[in-house]
Amino acid sequence: MIKRFWAMTKARLLEVARDRTAMFWQMLFVPALIAGVAIVMSGAPQPLFTVGVLGDAPLTKATHPFLGAEATRFYHEQDQTAGLNKLRRQSTDLLLDPRSSPARYWINTDSTKGRILQSLLVQADPGAQRQEVAGEPIRYADWLVPGMVGVNIMFSSLLGIGYVIVRYRKTGYLKRLNGTPLRAVEFVGAQLAACLILTVLISAGIYALCKVALHLSMAGSYLNLLLVVVVGAAAMIAMSLPVAARIASEEVAAGILNLLAWPMLLLSGVFFSLDAAPESVRALGQLFPLTHMLSAARAVIIDGAGFTDLLQPLAVMLAMTALFLAVGAGLFRWSQE
């Protein structure tokens, strides 16, 4: 028995070792993941306070004396309404408008950090005009659950079609289908539709359970949330098609799909906001459909965003879907030859 066991173990190890491409992806994945985490977590220690500054003026003392405050991250806020919404949710501690004379600022009366910043601002500019908003901070559960559902959608989408098509090709199932009147676009479209239906149904069930168990809030429309989930899932399913279009090795496919999934997981704001991350990291995150899906879903759930507010992220995800589908269809082949 031991000899048979060892023979099979040795055979499998040799099989993996001879697949040099698979070995390459498996060895590359961990260093790439570590490098990604290092980039996201790099930089100086995080500041204690966050202040949104309306306008495009440089964030220096020359613009307003308060902008030299220590332990504070200042960022440009182009939209006053969006800035006030962040202030109500306490994701921003103070909103400053240095363009007016005297300068105006808004604080959340329920925020301890806001009151501390106000004392610093008044010391720097005693004539600044105060305006108030109120609002409780977002519960972490309300922030986290959309991210966790998004992770489920991401892995279901990438592995649910990409890995399966590769297995079909390896076993010769696709080659047999090629002998039928079925066209490649019909096969790919059917796989996408089936995966999309299953992913959306399972994700809806998970969200419903979390809502009941955690008493999640919902400020917007469930129909808008469903639309965001459907379009986002379609984009991530389509993202796996270029990988599955030609590859015949399940190990290689798994390596590449993981190489796509884990950076997306780190750079899409699943567990925490990336507002304080370096600009290059935030820009890189915009390349992934999960980023746009989560920002749109949270806008619906937390801010009550309507359909018109979702047009930009929906358009981006639809464009990604079309691009990935076109590339996948162009590269698709039925057999390993």
Foldseek 3Di string as FASTA:
>chain_A
DVVVVVVVVVVVVVVCVVPVLLVVLVVPQVVLLVVLVCQQPDDDDQAPAEEEEEDDDDLDVVLPVLSVDPSYHYDYDHDPVVVVLCQQQPVHAKYWYSPDVVIEIEGAPVDPSNVVSVVSRCVRPVPYHYDYDYHYHDDLLLQQLLLVLLLLLLCLLQCVQLLVLLQCQLVCVLVVVVVDPDDPLNVLVVSLVVSLVVSLVVSVVSVVVSCVVVVAFFQADPVQLSLLSSLLSLLSNLQNLLLNQAHNDSSSSVSVSSSVSSSLSVQQQNNHDSPVGDPVSVVVNVVHSSNLSSVSNSCRGPVHDDPVVSVVSSVVSNVSSVVSNVSSSVRHDRHND
